[in-house]
Amino acid sequence: MSYDYGPPRFEDQAQPPQRTGKHPVNIGHLVMGLAFLVFVVVWALIETDTVAIHSVEDLRWLLPLPWIVGGSIGLLAALLRKS
Protein backbone atom coordinates (compact mmCIF):
# COMPACT_ATOMS: atom_id res chain seq x y z
CA MET A 1 0.00 0.00 0.00
CA SER A 2 1.18 3.44 -0.84
CA TYR A 3 0.12 6.63 0.90
CA ASP A 4 0.60 9.98 -0.75
CA TYR A 5 1.66 12.53 1.86
CA GLY A 6 2.59 15.19 -0.68
CA PRO A 7 0.98 18.62 -0.93
CA PRO A 8 -2.70 18.62 -1.90
CA ARG A 9 -3.40 18.71 -5.58
CA PHE A 10 -4.93 21.81 -7.15
CA GLU A 11 -8.13 19.91 -7.91
CA ASP A 12 -8.51 18.92 -4.25
CA GLN A 13 -8.29 22.46 -2.88
CA ALA A 14 -11.51 24.25 -2.00
CA GLN A 15 -12.41 26.96 -4.45
CA PRO A 16 -12.97 30.46 -3.01
CA PRO A 17 -16.60 31.59 -3.21
CA GLN A 18 -17.41 33.54 -6.34
CA ARG A 19 -18.11 37.21 -5.73
CA THR A 20 -21.42 38.32 -7.17
CA GLY A 21 -21.11 42.05 -6.51
CA LYS A 22 -24.31 42.07 -4.46
CA HIS A 23 -24.37 43.09 -0.83
CA PRO A 24 -27.21 43.56 1.63
CA VAL A 25 -28.88 46.95 1.60
CA ASN A 26 -28.39 49.04 4.72
CA ILE A 27 -31.93 50.24 5.39
CA GLY A 28 -30.78 53.22 7.47
CA HIS A 29 -28.62 54.49 4.62
CA LEU A 30 -31.48 53.92 2.19
CA VAL A 31 -33.95 55.90 4.30
CA MET A 32 -31.60 58.83 4.93
CA GLY A 33 -30.53 58.95 1.28
CA LEU A 34 -34.13 59.03 0.11
CA ALA A 35 -35.05 61.67 2.70
CA PHE A 36 -32.14 63.82 1.52
CA LEU A 37 -33.21 63.33 -2.11
CA VAL A 38 -36.78 64.39 -1.33
CA PHE A 39 -35.49 67.44 0.59
CA VAL A 40 -33.54 68.43 -2.53
CA VAL A 41 -36.66 67.95 -4.68
CA VAL A 42 -38.73 70.07 -2.26
CA TRP A 43 -36.06 72.77 -2.31
CA ALA A 44 -35.96 72.70 -6.12
CA LEU A 45 -39.75 72.99 -6.31
CA ILE A 46 -39.70 76.04 -4.04
CA GLU A 47 -36.76 77.69 -5.83
CA THR A 48 -38.30 77.28 -9.28
CA ASP A 49 -41.64 78.66 -8.02
CA THR A 50 -43.40 75.45 -9.00
CA VAL A 51 -44.85 75.50 -5.49
CA ALA A 52 -45.81 78.97 -4.33
CA ILE A 53 -44.79 79.59 -0.70
CA HIS A 54 -46.10 82.87 0.68
CA SER A 55 -45.47 82.20 4.36
CA VAL A 56 -43.97 79.64 6.68
CA GLU A 57 -47.45 78.24 7.25
CA ASP A 58 -47.50 77.07 3.62
CA LEU A 59 -44.59 74.71 4.37
CA ARG A 60 -46.64 72.63 6.85
CA TRP A 61 -47.60 70.05 4.25
CA LEU A 62 -44.30 70.05 2.36
CA LEU A 63 -41.65 69.61 5.06
CA PRO A 64 -42.86 66.25 6.50
CA LEU A 65 -42.92 64.75 3.00
CA PRO A 66 -39.27 63.54 2.98
CA TRP A 67 -39.69 61.72 6.27
CA ILE A 68 -42.92 60.08 5.14
CA VAL A 69 -41.36 58.91 1.87
CA GLY A 70 -38.17 57.70 3.55
CA GLY A 71 -40.03 55.90 6.32
CA SER A 72 -42.44 54.14 4.00
CA ILE A 73 -39.61 52.98 1.71
CA GLY A 74 -37.67 51.82 4.78
CA LEU A 75 -40.66 49.81 6.02
CA LEU A 76 -41.10 48.28 2.58
CA ALA A 77 -37.40 47.36 2.40
CA ALA A 78 -37.55 45.79 5.88
CA LEU A 79 -40.60 43.73 4.94
CA LEU A 80 -39.02 42.56 1.69
CA ARG A 81 -35.80 41.59 3.49
CA LYS A 82 -37.65 39.30 5.90
CA SER A 83 -39.36 37.34 3.14
C-alpha atoms as a PDB file:
ATOM      1  CA  MET A   1       0.000   0.000   0.000  1.00  0.00           C
ATOM      2  CA  SER A   2       1.179   3.436  -0.844  1.00  0.00           C
ATOM      3  CA  TYR A   3       0.116   6.634   0.897  1.00  0.00           C
ATOM      4  CA  ASP A   4       0.599   9.982  -0.747  1.00  0.00           C
ATOM      5  CA  TYR A   5       1.664  12.528   1.859  1.00  0.00           C
ATOM      6  CA  GLY A   6       2.586  15.190  -0.678  1.00  0.00           C
ATOM      7  CA  PRO A   7       0.976  18.623  -0.926  1.00  0.00           C
ATOM      8  CA  PRO A   8      -2.699  18.617  -1.898  1.00  0.00           C
ATOM      9  CA  ARG A   9      -3.401  18.711  -5.584  1.00  0.00           C
ATOM     10  CA  PHE A  10      -4.932  21.806  -7.149  1.00  0.00           C
ATOM     11  CA  GLU A  11      -8.129  19.907  -7.908  1.00  0.00           C
ATOM     12  CA  ASP A  12      -8.508  18.918  -4.253  1.00  0.00           C
ATOM     13  CA  GLN A  13      -8.289  22.460  -2.882  1.00  0.00           C
ATOM     14  CA  ALA A  14     -11.511  24.247  -1.997  1.00  0.00           C
ATOM     15  CA  GLN A  15     -12.414  26.964  -4.448  1.00  0.00           C
ATOM     16  CA  PRO A  16     -12.972  30.457  -3.013  1.00  0.00           C
ATOM     17  CA  PRO A  17     -16.595  31.595  -3.210  1.00  0.00           C
ATOM     18  CA  GLN A  18     -17.414  33.545  -6.341  1.00  0.00           C
ATOM     19  CA  ARG A  19     -18.113  37.211  -5.726  1.00  0.00           C
ATOM     20  CA  THR A  20     -21.419  38.318  -7.165  1.00  0.00           C
ATOM     21  CA  GLY A  21     -21.106  42.049  -6.514  1.00  0.00           C
ATOM     22  CA  LYS A  22     -24.305  42.072  -4.460  1.00  0.00           C
ATOM     23  CA  HIS A  23     -24.373  43.086  -0.830  1.00  0.00           C
ATOM     24  CA  PRO A  24     -27.211  43.560   1.628  1.00  0.00           C
ATOM     25  CA  VAL A  25     -28.878  46.946   1.598  1.00  0.00           C
ATOM     26  CA  ASN A  26     -28.388  49.037   4.722  1.00  0.00           C
ATOM     27  CA  ILE A  27     -31.932  50.240   5.386  1.00  0.00           C
ATOM     28  CA  GLY A  28     -30.780  53.220   7.468  1.00  0.00           C
ATOM     29  CA  HIS A  29     -28.615  54.486   4.620  1.00  0.00           C
ATOM     30  CA  LEU A  30     -31.477  53.915   2.185  1.00  0.00           C
ATOM     31  CA  VAL A  31     -33.949  55.903   4.300  1.00  0.00           C
ATOM     32  CA  MET A  32     -31.603  58.826   4.927  1.00  0.00           C
ATOM     33  CA  GLY A  33     -30.528  58.953   1.282  1.00  0.00           C
ATOM     34  CA  LEU A  34     -34.131  59.033   0.111  1.00  0.00           C
ATOM     35  CA  ALA A  35     -35.051  61.673   2.703  1.00  0.00           C
ATOM     36  CA  PHE A  36     -32.137  63.823   1.515  1.00  0.00           C
ATOM     37  CA  LEU A  37     -33.210  63.334  -2.108  1.00  0.00           C
ATOM     38  CA  VAL A  38     -36.779  64.391  -1.326  1.00  0.00           C
ATOM     39  CA  PHE A  39     -35.485  67.440   0.593  1.00  0.00           C
ATOM     40  CA  VAL A  40     -33.542  68.432  -2.531  1.00  0.00           C
ATOM     41  CA  VAL A  41     -36.658  67.952  -4.683  1.00  0.00           C
ATOM     42  CA  VAL A  42     -38.727  70.070  -2.264  1.00  0.00           C
ATOM     43  CA  TRP A  43     -36.057  72.769  -2.309  1.00  0.00           C
ATOM     44  CA  ALA A  44     -35.961  72.698  -6.121  1.00  0.00           C
ATOM     45  CA  LEU A  45     -39.752  72.992  -6.309  1.00  0.00           C
ATOM     46  CA  ILE A  46     -39.695  76.036  -4.036  1.00  0.00           C
ATOM     47  CA  GLU A  47     -36.763  77.695  -5.832  1.00  0.00           C
ATOM     48  CA  THR A  48     -38.300  77.279  -9.284  1.00  0.00           C
ATOM     49  CA  ASP A  49     -41.640  78.664  -8.025  1.00  0.00           C
ATOM     50  CA  THR A  50     -43.403  75.450  -8.997  1.00  0.00           C
ATOM     51  CA  VAL A  51     -44.853  75.499  -5.494  1.00  0.00           C
ATOM     52  CA  ALA A  52     -45.812  78.965  -4.332  1.00  0.00           C
ATOM     53  CA  ILE A  53     -44.792  79.589  -0.703  1.00  0.00           C
ATOM     54  CA  HIS A  54     -46.100  82.868   0.682  1.00  0.00           C
ATOM     55  CA  SER A  55     -45.474  82.203   4.357  1.00  0.00           C
ATOM     56  CA  VAL A  56     -43.965  79.639   6.680  1.00  0.00           C
ATOM     57  CA  GLU A  57     -47.450  78.243   7.252  1.00  0.00           C
ATOM     58  CA  ASP A  58     -47.500  77.067   3.624  1.00  0.00           C
ATOM     59  CA  LEU A  59     -44.594  74.706   4.374  1.00  0.00           C
ATOM     60  CA  ARG A  60     -46.643  72.632   6.850  1.00  0.00           C
ATOM     61  CA  TRP A  61     -47.600  70.049   4.250  1.00  0.00           C
ATOM     62  CA  LEU A  62     -44.303  70.055   2.358  1.00  0.00           C
ATOM     63  CA  LEU A  63     -41.647  69.610   5.063  1.00  0.00           C
ATOM     64  CA  PRO A  64     -42.863  66.250   6.498  1.00  0.00           C
ATOM     65  CA  LEU A  65     -42.921  64.753   3.001  1.00  0.00           C
ATOM     66  CA  PRO A  66     -39.265  63.543   2.978  1.00  0.00           C
ATOM     67  CA  TRP A  67     -39.691  61.716   6.275  1.00  0.00           C
ATOM     68  CA  ILE A  68     -42.924  60.078   5.145  1.00  0.00           C
ATOM     69  CA  VAL A  69     -41.363  58.905   1.867  1.00  0.00           C
ATOM     70  CA  GLY A  70     -38.169  57.701   3.546  1.00  0.00           C
ATOM     71  CA  GLY A  71     -40.031  55.898   6.320  1.00  0.00           C
ATOM     72  CA  SER A  72     -42.440  54.136   4.004  1.00  0.00           C
ATOM     73  CA  ILE A  73     -39.614  52.978   1.706  1.00  0.00           C
ATOM     74  CA  GLY A  74     -37.673  51.819   4.781  1.00  0.00           C
ATOM     75  CA  LEU A  75     -40.660  49.810   6.015  1.00  0.00           C
ATOM     76  CA  LEU A  76     -41.099  48.278   2.585  1.00  0.00           C
ATOM     77  CA  ALA A  77     -37.403  47.356   2.396  1.00  0.00           C
ATOM     78  CA  ALA A  78     -37.550  45.790   5.876  1.00  0.00           C
ATOM     79  CA  LEU A  79     -40.599  43.733   4.940  1.00  0.00           C
ATOM     80  CA  LEU A  80     -39.022  42.565   1.693  1.00  0.00           C
ATOM     81  CA  ARG A  81     -35.799  41.592   3.488  1.00  0.00           C
ATOM     82  CA  LYS A  82     -37.649  39.298   5.902  1.00  0.00           C
ATOM     83  CA  SER A  83     -39.361  37.338   3.139  1.00  0.00           C
END
